[in-house]
Amino acid sequence: MLSAMLLAISTAALAQFAVYYWRAIVASEAARPVSDQVLAAASVESSALRGRDFDLLAGLYRLTPNMGESSSGLGLVPAYFRVVHAVGSLAEERLKPLARWAENERILCARFVAVQIDRRLQENLAMAASIRSC
């Protein structure tokens, strides 16, 4: 019985660590600067990036070809966005602090996608420059 309880606690702690680690990676990527080209393509201002821009940015990401060597994708960010969006929608009327947290997380997801678009565009420009130089 004790070993089963230790296994359950260890598994829960490992899962919690994995979630925090993944969130830290997403936050560090989202903290990178986003070029004005991406913001202009999405018709948003840098200071006005909102959680509602996530779907627009995700659509732009799908339209951006991946010609570079790295295959950085969105991973679990769209699923995380949907969960946080649902939590924020439920908490909007009752729990204002939770709704603010959810909006901050949605903004984080939108910034992450914008950074990924920017990364793809930079890789594509570098690839085109290397092709032209041959």
Foldseek 3Di string as FASTA:
>chain_A
DVVVVVVVVVVVVVVVVVVVVVVVVLLVLLPDDFDVVLCVVLVHDPVGQWLVSQVVLVVVLVVQDQPADDDDDLPCLVVVLVVLVVQLVVCVPPPPVSVVVSGVSSSSSSSSSSSVSRVRVVRVVVVVVVVVVD
